[in-house]
Amino acid sequence: MNPLNPKKRLLTKWTAVRPVDKDKHFLVTRVVEPETPGEKTQWVDIEAVFSRTTHRVAWRDLQDDAVWKQGWA
């Protein structure tokens, strides 16, 4: 399991273990801030490198080694 902090995830690179819509390599393009102050960040937007499509995922899902690998492998 990767130790993560949502604020430090911006512009990090990720590889999907199983391709998502034929895309395998992603880049965190935005950390979605909560609407009310004091709440914790829960979402990040990831962009596929090849197709430029954006997906919103829970940032804690990036800790699951069965789904995501950090870096481009």
Protein backbone atom coordinates (compact mmCIF):
# COMPACT_ATOMS: atom_id res chain seq x y z
CA MET A 1 0.00 0.00 0.00
CA ASN A 2 1.34 3.42 -0.97
CA PRO A 3 1.35 6.18 1.68
CA LEU A 4 -0.48 9.11 0.05
CA ASN A 5 -1.41 12.69 0.76
CA PRO A 6 -4.04 14.16 -1.60
CA LYS A 7 -2.33 17.57 -1.75
CA LYS A 8 0.91 16.00 -3.02
CA ARG A 9 -0.76 13.91 -5.74
CA LEU A 10 -1.10 16.73 -8.30
CA LEU A 11 0.74 15.88 -11.55
CA THR A 12 1.70 12.38 -10.36
CA LYS A 13 1.74 9.54 -12.90
CA TRP A 14 -0.27 6.33 -12.54
CA THR A 15 -0.65 3.10 -14.48
CA ALA A 16 -3.91 1.16 -14.44
CA VAL A 17 -3.37 -2.55 -13.82
CA ARG A 18 -6.39 -3.22 -16.07
CA PRO A 19 -6.81 -0.63 -18.86
CA VAL A 20 -9.76 1.77 -18.52
CA ASP A 21 -11.43 2.41 -21.90
CA LYS A 22 -8.22 1.24 -23.62
CA ASP A 23 -6.16 3.76 -21.63
CA LYS A 24 -3.43 2.57 -19.32
CA HIS A 25 -1.36 5.64 -18.34
CA PHE A 26 -2.88 8.53 -16.38
CA LEU A 27 -1.83 11.83 -14.85
CA VAL A 28 -3.50 13.48 -11.83
CA THR A 29 -4.58 16.86 -13.22
CA ARG A 30 -6.70 18.21 -10.37
CA VAL A 31 -7.27 17.65 -6.67
CA VAL A 32 -10.99 18.33 -6.08
CA GLU A 33 -11.41 20.48 -2.99
CA PRO A 34 -14.50 19.88 -0.80
CA GLU A 35 -17.28 22.47 -0.90
CA THR A 36 -17.29 23.08 2.85
CA PRO A 37 -14.12 24.08 4.67
CA GLY A 38 -12.82 21.57 7.17
CA GLU A 39 -13.84 18.50 5.19
CA LYS A 40 -11.18 16.18 3.81
CA THR A 41 -10.32 15.92 0.13
CA GLN A 42 -11.88 12.81 -1.38
CA TRP A 43 -11.59 13.09 -5.17
CA VAL A 44 -8.96 13.65 -7.83
CA ASP A 45 -9.33 14.04 -11.58
CA ILE A 46 -7.06 11.83 -13.65
CA GLU A 47 -6.44 12.37 -17.35
CA ALA A 48 -5.55 9.61 -19.77
CA VAL A 49 -2.27 10.42 -21.48
CA PHE A 50 -3.23 9.01 -24.88
CA SER A 51 -6.91 9.98 -25.31
CA ARG A 52 -6.99 13.02 -22.96
CA THR A 53 -10.23 11.81 -21.34
CA THR A 54 -10.73 12.75 -17.70
CA HIS A 55 -12.05 10.47 -14.97
CA ARG A 56 -12.87 11.34 -11.37
CA VAL A 57 -11.68 8.79 -8.83
CA ALA A 58 -11.49 8.70 -5.05
CA TRP A 59 -7.87 9.55 -4.24
CA ARG A 60 -7.71 6.70 -1.72
CA ASP A 61 -8.40 4.23 -4.55
CA LEU A 62 -4.90 5.02 -5.80
CA GLN A 63 -3.59 3.11 -2.77
CA ASP A 64 -5.01 -0.17 -4.08
CA ASP A 65 -2.06 -1.97 -5.70
CA ALA A 66 -4.44 -4.37 -7.43
CA VAL A 67 -5.89 -1.45 -9.45
CA TRP A 68 -3.16 1.24 -9.70
CA LYS A 69 0.64 1.31 -9.87
CA GLN A 70 2.48 4.57 -9.23
CA GLY A 71 4.51 5.77 -12.19
CA TRP A 72 4.38 4.62 -15.79
CA ALA A 73 5.32 0.99 -16.02
